[in-house]
C-alpha atoms as a PDB file:
ATOM      1  CA  MET A   1      14.571  21.346   3.059  1.00  0.00           C
ATOM      2  CA  LYS A   2      15.252  21.327   6.795  1.00  0.00           C
ATOM      3  CA  PRO A   3      15.725  17.934   8.472  1.00  0.00           C
ATOM      4  CA  LYS A   4      12.756  18.539  10.762  1.00  0.00           C
ATOM      5  CA  THR A   5      10.505  19.302   7.780  1.00  0.00           C
ATOM      6  CA  VAL A   6      11.676  16.126   6.041  1.00  0.00           C
ATOM      7  CA  LYS A   7      10.907  14.097   9.169  1.00  0.00           C
ATOM      8  CA  VAL A   8       7.433  15.612   9.566  1.00  0.00           C
ATOM      9  CA  MET A   9       6.598  15.061   5.888  1.00  0.00           C
ATOM     10  CA  TYR A  10       7.878  11.494   6.080  1.00  0.00           C
ATOM     11  CA  TRP A  11       5.676  10.680   9.052  1.00  0.00           C
ATOM     12  CA  ILE A  12       2.577  12.360   7.597  1.00  0.00           C
ATOM     13  CA  PHE A  13       2.748  10.341   4.371  1.00  0.00           C
ATOM     14  CA  THR A  14       3.868   7.148   6.106  1.00  0.00           C
ATOM     15  CA  VAL A  15       1.015   7.270   8.620  1.00  0.00           C
ATOM     16  CA  LEU A  16      -1.468   7.860   5.773  1.00  0.00           C
ATOM     17  CA  LEU A  17      -0.035   4.876   3.905  1.00  0.00           C
ATOM     18  CA  VAL A  18       0.052   2.634   6.982  1.00  0.00           C
ATOM     19  CA  LEU A  19      -3.522   3.478   8.002  1.00  0.00           C
ATOM     20  CA  GLY A  20      -4.749   2.774   4.478  1.00  0.00           C
ATOM     21  CA  MET A  21      -2.927  -0.542   4.316  1.00  0.00           C
ATOM     22  CA  LEU A  22      -4.101  -1.608   7.777  1.00  0.00           C
ATOM     23  CA  PHE A  23      -7.713  -0.793   6.930  1.00  0.00           C
ATOM     24  CA  SER A  24      -7.460  -2.566   3.592  1.00  0.00           C
ATOM     25  CA  GLY A  25      -5.611  -5.540   5.066  1.00  0.00           C
ATOM     26  CA  PHE A  26      -8.110  -6.066   7.874  1.00  0.00           C
ATOM     27  CA  SER A  27     -11.088  -5.728   5.513  1.00  0.00           C
ATOM     28  CA  GLU A  28      -9.532  -8.368   3.273  1.00  0.00           C
ATOM     29  CA  ILE A  29      -8.713 -10.766   6.114  1.00  0.00           C
ATOM     30  CA  MET A  30     -12.165 -10.357   7.624  1.00  0.00           C
ATOM     31  CA  GLN A  31     -13.691 -10.932   4.176  1.00  0.00           C
ATOM     32  CA  PHE A  32     -15.834  -7.796   4.298  1.00  0.00           C
ATOM     33  CA  PRO A  33     -18.531  -7.988   1.611  1.00  0.00           C
ATOM     34  CA  SER A  34     -16.995  -5.082  -0.308  1.00  0.00           C
ATOM     35  CA  ALA A  35     -13.592  -6.792  -0.410  1.00  0.00           C
ATOM     36  CA  VAL A  36     -15.131 -10.086  -1.527  1.00  0.00           C
ATOM     37  CA  GLU A  37     -17.145  -8.318  -4.220  1.00  0.00           C
ATOM     38  CA  VAL A  38     -14.047  -6.629  -5.649  1.00  0.00           C
ATOM     39  CA  MET A  39     -12.218  -9.944  -5.909  1.00  0.00           C
ATOM     40  CA  LYS A  40     -15.208 -11.626  -7.545  1.00  0.00           C
ATOM     41  CA  HIS A  41     -15.593  -8.721  -9.964  1.00  0.00           C
ATOM     42  CA  LEU A  42     -11.931  -8.983 -10.948  1.00  0.00           C
ATOM     43  CA  GLY A  43     -12.181 -12.751 -11.349  1.00  0.00           C
ATOM     44  CA  TYR A  44      -9.897 -13.766  -8.480  1.00  0.00           C
ATOM     45  CA  PRO A  45     -10.725 -16.402  -5.859  1.00  0.00           C
ATOM     46  CA  THR A  46     -11.733 -14.800  -2.577  1.00  0.00           C
ATOM     47  CA  TYR A  47      -9.030 -16.610  -0.573  1.00  0.00           C
ATOM     48  CA  VAL A  48      -6.503 -14.324  -2.271  1.00  0.00           C
ATOM     49  CA  ASN A  49      -7.926 -11.564  -0.057  1.00  0.00           C
ATOM     50  CA  ILE A  50      -6.553 -13.298   3.033  1.00  0.00           C
ATOM     51  CA  ILE A  51      -3.080 -13.689   1.519  1.00  0.00           C
ATOM     52  CA  ILE A  52      -2.926 -10.057   0.395  1.00  0.00           C
ATOM     53  CA  GLY A  53      -4.469  -8.837   3.662  1.00  0.00           C
ATOM     54  CA  VAL A  54      -1.846 -10.567   5.791  1.00  0.00           C
ATOM     55  CA  ALA A  55       0.924  -9.194   3.564  1.00  0.00           C
ATOM     56  CA  LYS A  56      -0.486  -5.654   3.851  1.00  0.00           C
ATOM     57  CA  ILE A  57      -0.629  -5.797   7.642  1.00  0.00           C
ATOM     58  CA  ILE A  58       2.915  -7.136   7.890  1.00  0.00           C
ATOM     59  CA  GLY A  59       4.112  -4.474   5.427  1.00  0.00           C
ATOM     60  CA  ALA A  60       2.365  -1.707   7.362  1.00  0.00           C
ATOM     61  CA  VAL A  61       4.007  -2.794  10.619  1.00  0.00           C
ATOM     62  CA  VAL A  62       7.391  -2.957   8.881  1.00  0.00           C
ATOM     63  CA  LEU A  63       7.018   0.620   7.615  1.00  0.00           C
ATOM     64  CA  LEU A  64       6.655   1.848  11.194  1.00  0.00           C
ATOM     65  CA  GLN A  65      10.051   0.540  12.268  1.00  0.00           C
ATOM     66  CA  ASN A  66      13.429   2.023  11.338  1.00  0.00           C
ATOM     67  CA  ARG A  67      15.846  -0.683  12.427  1.00  0.00           C
ATOM     68  CA  PHE A  68      15.617  -3.139   9.523  1.00  0.00           C
ATOM     69  CA  ARG A  69      16.123  -0.973   6.456  1.00  0.00           C
ATOM     70  CA  THR A  70      16.264  -3.795   3.911  1.00  0.00           C
ATOM     71  CA  ILE A  71      12.959  -5.274   5.062  1.00  0.00           C
ATOM     72  CA  LYS A  72      11.461  -1.795   4.954  1.00  0.00           C
ATOM     73  CA  GLU A  73      12.673  -1.462   1.358  1.00  0.00           C
ATOM     74  CA  TRP A  74      10.930  -4.776   0.582  1.00  0.00           C
ATOM     75  CA  ALA A  75       7.696  -3.486   2.119  1.00  0.00           C
ATOM     76  CA  TYR A  76       7.775  -0.433  -0.143  1.00  0.00           C
ATOM     77  CA  ALA A  77       8.449  -2.706  -3.127  1.00  0.00           C
ATOM     78  CA  GLY A  78       5.606  -5.017  -2.098  1.00  0.00           C
ATOM     79  CA  PHE A  79       3.133  -2.152  -1.855  1.00  0.00           C
ATOM     80  CA  THR A  80       4.283  -0.869  -5.238  1.00  0.00           C
ATOM     81  CA  ILE A  81       3.675  -4.293  -6.774  1.00  0.00           C
ATOM     82  CA  ASP A  82       0.276  -4.490  -5.052  1.00  0.00           C
ATOM     83  CA  PHE A  83      -0.807  -1.097  -6.413  1.00  0.00           C
ATOM     84  CA  ILE A  84       0.478  -1.761  -9.928  1.00  0.00           C
ATOM     85  CA  GLY A  85      -1.199  -5.180  -9.896  1.00  0.00           C
ATOM     86  CA  ALA A  86      -4.449  -3.582  -8.769  1.00  0.00           C
ATOM     87  CA  ALA A  87      -4.198  -0.996 -11.538  1.00  0.00           C
ATOM     88  CA  ALA A  88      -3.536  -3.690 -14.145  1.00  0.00           C
ATOM     89  CA  SER A  89      -6.444  -5.812 -12.918  1.00  0.00           C
ATOM     90  CA  LEU A  90      -8.778  -2.823 -12.982  1.00  0.00           C
ATOM     91  CA  TYR A  91      -7.561  -1.839 -16.440  1.00  0.00           C
ATOM     92  CA  PHE A  92      -8.241  -5.271 -17.939  1.00  0.00           C
ATOM     93  CA  ILE A  93     -11.737  -5.504 -16.431  1.00  0.00           C
ATOM     94  CA  ASP A  94     -13.000  -1.905 -16.229  1.00  0.00           C
ATOM     95  CA  GLY A  95     -10.707   0.177 -18.453  1.00  0.00           C
ATOM     96  CA  ILE A  96      -8.201   2.959 -18.086  1.00  0.00           C
ATOM     97  CA  LEU A  97     -10.301   5.273 -15.903  1.00  0.00           C
ATOM     98  CA  ALA A  98     -10.678   2.616 -13.200  1.00  0.00           C
ATOM     99  CA  ALA A  99      -6.946   1.885 -13.348  1.00  0.00           C
ATOM    100  CA  LEU A 100      -6.117   5.568 -12.890  1.00  0.00           C
ATOM    101  CA  ALA A 101      -7.874   5.501  -9.502  1.00  0.00           C
ATOM    102  CA  VAL A 102      -4.717   3.872  -8.103  1.00  0.00           C
ATOM    103  CA  ILE A 103      -2.580   6.958  -8.815  1.00  0.00           C
ATOM    104  CA  PRO A 104      -3.341   8.776  -5.514  1.00  0.00           C
ATOM    105  CA  PHE A 105      -2.231   5.699  -3.574  1.00  0.00           C
ATOM    106  CA  LEU A 106       0.979   5.505  -5.571  1.00  0.00           C
ATOM    107  CA  ILE A 107       1.609   9.197  -4.898  1.00  0.00           C
ATOM    108  CA  VAL A 108       1.277   8.684  -1.135  1.00  0.00           C
ATOM    109  CA  LEU A 109       3.511   5.596  -1.333  1.00  0.00           C
ATOM    110  CA  PHE A 110       6.236   7.244  -3.403  1.00  0.00           C
ATOM    111  CA  THR A 111       6.135  10.430  -1.312  1.00  0.00           C
ATOM    112  CA  SER A 112       6.613   8.414   1.872  1.00  0.00           C
ATOM    113  CA  TYR A 113       9.484   6.539   0.243  1.00  0.00           C
ATOM    114  CA  TYR A 114      11.066   9.761  -1.058  1.00  0.00           C
ATOM    115  CA  PHE A 115      11.089  11.386   2.377  1.00  0.00           C
ATOM    116  CA  TRP A 116      12.310   8.164   4.023  1.00  0.00           C
ATOM    117  CA  LYS A 117      15.352   8.228   1.733  1.00  0.00           C
ATOM    118  CA  LYS A 118      15.928  11.899   2.631  1.00  0.00           C
ATOM    119  CA  LEU A 119      15.938  11.233   6.395  1.00  0.00           C
ATOM    120  CA  PRO A 120      19.315  11.482   8.062  1.00  0.00           C
ATOM    121  CA  ASN A 121      20.550   8.078   9.219  1.00  0.00           C
END
């Protein structure tokens, strides 16, 4: 694959991921009713939304920079843990079909990560 194609693909998937995490993070921090309802349904205290929301916003900002590679690696790991934790929580409460809904988000995440690793330094 040409370097320009890799760069374009990286930015497409990274922007999708960042926009999703910013939207999710802000809805959790602002305690939107839908975010509160999900936490209640899963049996978590609603203040966890604020903690996760702040982490998502920080992680999204980190993904947009290219200077601090180790911190960027941590952001990808954090989002992976978030998605897997969400899938596990959904599985234990609502079953396998609900847990499988996380797969598209993991695909976007891993595709962004894959193309980031393919970028020339």
